[in-house]
């Protein structure tokens, strides 16, 4: 079984719930084992987070053979009152943009390379 990294002892910008939701947004048939590895969580923690997200109306799943097919409710409003009317879709769009920027090559980001 894959080892889970040691828990991060300080604060972070994203919650584990946001990380799990982003992993599911990237691949709606991903396995809990793969989510756990990507998010550096235990499989049990991912199962609890998915249950929380389903209970909150942010996520549903259905069985497709031996796999789960996850569906995110993109218009669901984020939970914190300070987020106003911000929806899940906006959060995921920001995370996707960040992921794409992090995987850009130097040629993509270096303005001198296009000359």
C-alpha atoms as a PDB file:
ATOM      1  CA  UNK A   1       0.000   0.000   0.000  1.00  0.00           C
ATOM      2  CA  UNK A   2       1.229   3.523  -0.785  1.00  0.00           C
ATOM      3  CA  UNK A   3       2.524   5.493   2.140  1.00  0.00           C
ATOM      4  CA  UNK A   4       0.808   8.713   3.095  1.00  0.00           C
ATOM      5  CA  UNK A   5       3.047  11.697   3.730  1.00  0.00           C
ATOM      6  CA  UNK A   6       3.301  13.007   7.253  1.00  0.00           C
ATOM      7  CA  UNK A   7       0.542  15.468   8.170  1.00  0.00           C
ATOM      8  CA  UNK A   8       1.390  19.081   7.513  1.00  0.00           C
ATOM      9  CA  UNK A   9       1.692  20.781  10.904  1.00  0.00           C
ATOM     10  CA  UNK A  10       1.084  24.372   9.827  1.00  0.00           C
ATOM     11  CA  UNK A  11      -1.812  26.119   8.137  1.00  0.00           C
ATOM     12  CA  UNK A  12      -2.551  25.859   4.426  1.00  0.00           C
ATOM     13  CA  UNK A  13      -4.659  27.844   1.978  1.00  0.00           C
ATOM     14  CA  UNK A  14      -6.815  24.934   0.831  1.00  0.00           C
ATOM     15  CA  UNK A  15      -8.795  22.532   2.956  1.00  0.00           C
ATOM     16  CA  UNK A  16      -8.665  18.807   2.376  1.00  0.00           C
ATOM     17  CA  UNK A  17     -12.267  19.048   1.181  1.00  0.00           C
ATOM     18  CA  UNK A  18     -11.214  21.476  -1.572  1.00  0.00           C
ATOM     19  CA  UNK A  19      -8.293  19.239  -2.542  1.00  0.00           C
ATOM     20  CA  UNK A  20     -10.545  16.162  -2.820  1.00  0.00           C
ATOM     21  CA  UNK A  21     -13.139  18.092  -4.816  1.00  0.00           C
ATOM     22  CA  UNK A  22     -10.420  19.340  -7.192  1.00  0.00           C
ATOM     23  CA  UNK A  23      -9.127  15.794  -7.688  1.00  0.00           C
ATOM     24  CA  UNK A  24     -12.638  14.620  -8.544  1.00  0.00           C
ATOM     25  CA  UNK A  25     -13.141  17.581 -10.884  1.00  0.00           C
ATOM     26  CA  UNK A  26     -10.020  16.526 -12.762  1.00  0.00           C
ATOM     27  CA  UNK A  27     -11.214  12.924 -13.146  1.00  0.00           C
ATOM     28  CA  UNK A  28     -14.814  12.043 -12.316  1.00  0.00           C
ATOM     29  CA  UNK A  29     -14.068   8.302 -12.246  1.00  0.00           C
ATOM     30  CA  UNK A  30     -10.948   8.517 -10.073  1.00  0.00           C
ATOM     31  CA  UNK A  31     -10.477   5.937  -7.342  1.00  0.00           C
ATOM     32  CA  UNK A  32     -10.405   6.807  -3.652  1.00  0.00           C
ATOM     33  CA  UNK A  33      -6.900   5.316  -3.523  1.00  0.00           C
ATOM     34  CA  UNK A  34      -5.739   7.749  -6.219  1.00  0.00           C
ATOM     35  CA  UNK A  35      -7.396  10.728  -4.536  1.00  0.00           C
ATOM     36  CA  UNK A  36      -5.704   9.795  -1.270  1.00  0.00           C
ATOM     37  CA  UNK A  37      -2.295   9.606  -2.918  1.00  0.00           C
ATOM     38  CA  UNK A  38      -2.746  12.896  -4.756  1.00  0.00           C
ATOM     39  CA  UNK A  39      -4.028  14.743  -1.683  1.00  0.00           C
ATOM     40  CA  UNK A  40      -1.642  12.999   0.724  1.00  0.00           C
ATOM     41  CA  UNK A  41      -4.485  11.697   2.848  1.00  0.00           C
ATOM     42  CA  UNK A  42      -5.546   8.280   4.023  1.00  0.00           C
ATOM     43  CA  UNK A  43      -8.230   6.447   2.093  1.00  0.00           C
ATOM     44  CA  UNK A  44     -10.429   6.569   5.202  1.00  0.00           C
ATOM     45  CA  UNK A  45     -10.077  10.377   5.347  1.00  0.00           C
ATOM     46  CA  UNK A  46     -11.027  10.658   1.659  1.00  0.00           C
ATOM     47  CA  UNK A  47     -14.094   8.473   2.254  1.00  0.00           C
ATOM     48  CA  UNK A  48     -15.192  10.771   5.114  1.00  0.00           C
ATOM     49  CA  UNK A  49     -14.615  13.887   2.998  1.00  0.00           C
ATOM     50  CA  UNK A  50     -16.609  12.448   0.090  1.00  0.00           C
ATOM     51  CA  UNK A  51     -19.433  11.625   2.521  1.00  0.00           C
ATOM     52  CA  UNK A  52     -19.317  15.225   3.823  1.00  0.00           C
ATOM     53  CA  UNK A  53     -19.416  16.625   0.285  1.00  0.00           C
ATOM     54  CA  UNK A  54     -22.358  14.377  -0.619  1.00  0.00           C
ATOM     55  CA  UNK A  55     -24.229  15.283   2.560  1.00  0.00           C
ATOM     56  CA  UNK A  56     -23.658  18.976   1.816  1.00  0.00           C
ATOM     57  CA  UNK A  57     -25.029  18.621  -1.718  1.00  0.00           C
ATOM     58  CA  UNK A  58     -21.721  19.365  -3.448  1.00  0.00           C
ATOM     59  CA  UNK A  59     -21.215  15.894  -4.883  1.00  0.00           C
ATOM     60  CA  UNK A  60     -23.119  12.765  -5.873  1.00  0.00           C
ATOM     61  CA  UNK A  61     -21.905   9.423  -7.113  1.00  0.00           C
ATOM     62  CA  UNK A  62     -23.296   6.450  -8.954  1.00  0.00           C
ATOM     63  CA  UNK A  63     -21.868   3.032  -9.651  1.00  0.00           C
ATOM     64  CA  UNK A  64     -20.570   2.279 -13.122  1.00  0.00           C
ATOM     65  CA  UNK A  65     -19.591  -1.358 -13.075  1.00  0.00           C
ATOM     66  CA  UNK A  66     -16.904  -1.635 -10.421  1.00  0.00           C
ATOM     67  CA  UNK A  67     -16.176   2.104 -10.441  1.00  0.00           C
ATOM     68  CA  UNK A  68     -17.823   5.217  -9.097  1.00  0.00           C
ATOM     69  CA  UNK A  69     -18.859   8.085 -11.345  1.00  0.00           C
ATOM     70  CA  UNK A  70     -18.817  11.355  -9.420  1.00  0.00           C
ATOM     71  CA  UNK A  71     -20.899  14.412 -10.312  1.00  0.00           C
ATOM     72  CA  UNK A  72     -20.095  17.813  -8.840  1.00  0.00           C
ATOM     73  CA  UNK A  73     -22.936  20.292  -8.317  1.00  0.00           C
ATOM     74  CA  UNK A  74     -21.176  23.367  -9.791  1.00  0.00           C
ATOM     75  CA  UNK A  75     -23.812  25.908  -8.755  1.00  0.00           C
ATOM     76  CA  UNK A  76     -23.736  24.945  -5.081  1.00  0.00           C
ATOM     77  CA  UNK A  77     -22.734  27.945  -2.970  1.00  0.00           C
ATOM     78  CA  UNK A  78     -19.625  27.672  -0.798  1.00  0.00           C
ATOM     79  CA  UNK A  79     -20.285  27.145   2.898  1.00  0.00           C
ATOM     80  CA  UNK A  80     -18.623  30.120   4.598  1.00  0.00           C
ATOM     81  CA  UNK A  81     -20.728  33.286   4.943  1.00  0.00           C
ATOM     82  CA  UNK A  82     -17.767  35.441   3.899  1.00  0.00           C
ATOM     83  CA  UNK A  83     -17.777  33.721   0.499  1.00  0.00           C
ATOM     84  CA  UNK A  84     -21.098  35.366  -0.315  1.00  0.00           C
ATOM     85  CA  UNK A  85     -22.682  33.807  -3.388  1.00  0.00           C
ATOM     86  CA  UNK A  86     -19.451  32.224  -4.656  1.00  0.00           C
ATOM     87  CA  UNK A  87     -20.133  28.800  -6.132  1.00  0.00           C
ATOM     88  CA  UNK A  88     -18.108  25.612  -6.398  1.00  0.00           C
ATOM     89  CA  UNK A  89     -17.574  26.204 -10.134  1.00  0.00           C
ATOM     90  CA  UNK A  90     -15.656  29.418  -9.421  1.00  0.00           C
ATOM     91  CA  UNK A  91     -13.406  27.717  -6.899  1.00  0.00           C
ATOM     92  CA  UNK A  92     -12.666  24.852  -9.263  1.00  0.00           C
ATOM     93  CA  UNK A  93     -11.955  27.270 -12.125  1.00  0.00           C
ATOM     94  CA  UNK A  94      -9.328  29.004  -9.980  1.00  0.00           C
ATOM     95  CA  UNK A  95      -7.733  25.704  -9.026  1.00  0.00           C
ATOM     96  CA  UNK A  96      -7.623  24.535 -12.653  1.00  0.00           C
ATOM     97  CA  UNK A  97      -5.979  27.797 -13.741  1.00  0.00           C
ATOM     98  CA  UNK A  98      -3.405  27.392 -10.970  1.00  0.00           C
ATOM     99  CA  UNK A  99      -2.679  23.786 -11.978  1.00  0.00           C
ATOM    100  CA  UNK A 100      -2.242  24.780 -15.626  1.00  0.00           C
ATOM    101  CA  UNK A 101       0.099  27.631 -14.691  1.00  0.00           C
ATOM    102  CA  UNK A 102       2.139  25.249 -12.544  1.00  0.00           C
ATOM    103  CA  UNK A 103       2.607  22.830 -15.428  1.00  0.00           C
ATOM    104  CA  UNK A 104       3.502  25.421 -18.065  1.00  0.00           C
ATOM    105  CA  UNK A 105       6.931  25.006 -19.605  1.00  0.00           C
ATOM    106  CA  UNK A 106       9.582  27.696 -19.440  1.00  0.00           C
ATOM    107  CA  UNK A 107       8.987  28.401 -23.131  1.00  0.00           C
ATOM    108  CA  UNK A 108       5.328  29.044 -22.359  1.00  0.00           C
ATOM    109  CA  UNK A 109       6.097  31.534 -19.603  1.00  0.00           C
ATOM    110  CA  UNK A 110       9.348  33.172 -20.787  1.00  0.00           C
ATOM    111  CA  UNK A 111       8.483  36.247 -22.887  1.00  0.00           C
ATOM    112  CA  UNK A 112      11.999  36.234 -24.457  1.00  0.00           C
ATOM    113  CA  UNK A 113      11.515  32.701 -25.805  1.00  0.00           C
ATOM    114  CA  UNK A 114       8.920  33.854 -28.340  1.00  0.00           C
ATOM    115  CA  UNK A 115      11.295  36.136 -30.190  1.00  0.00           C
END
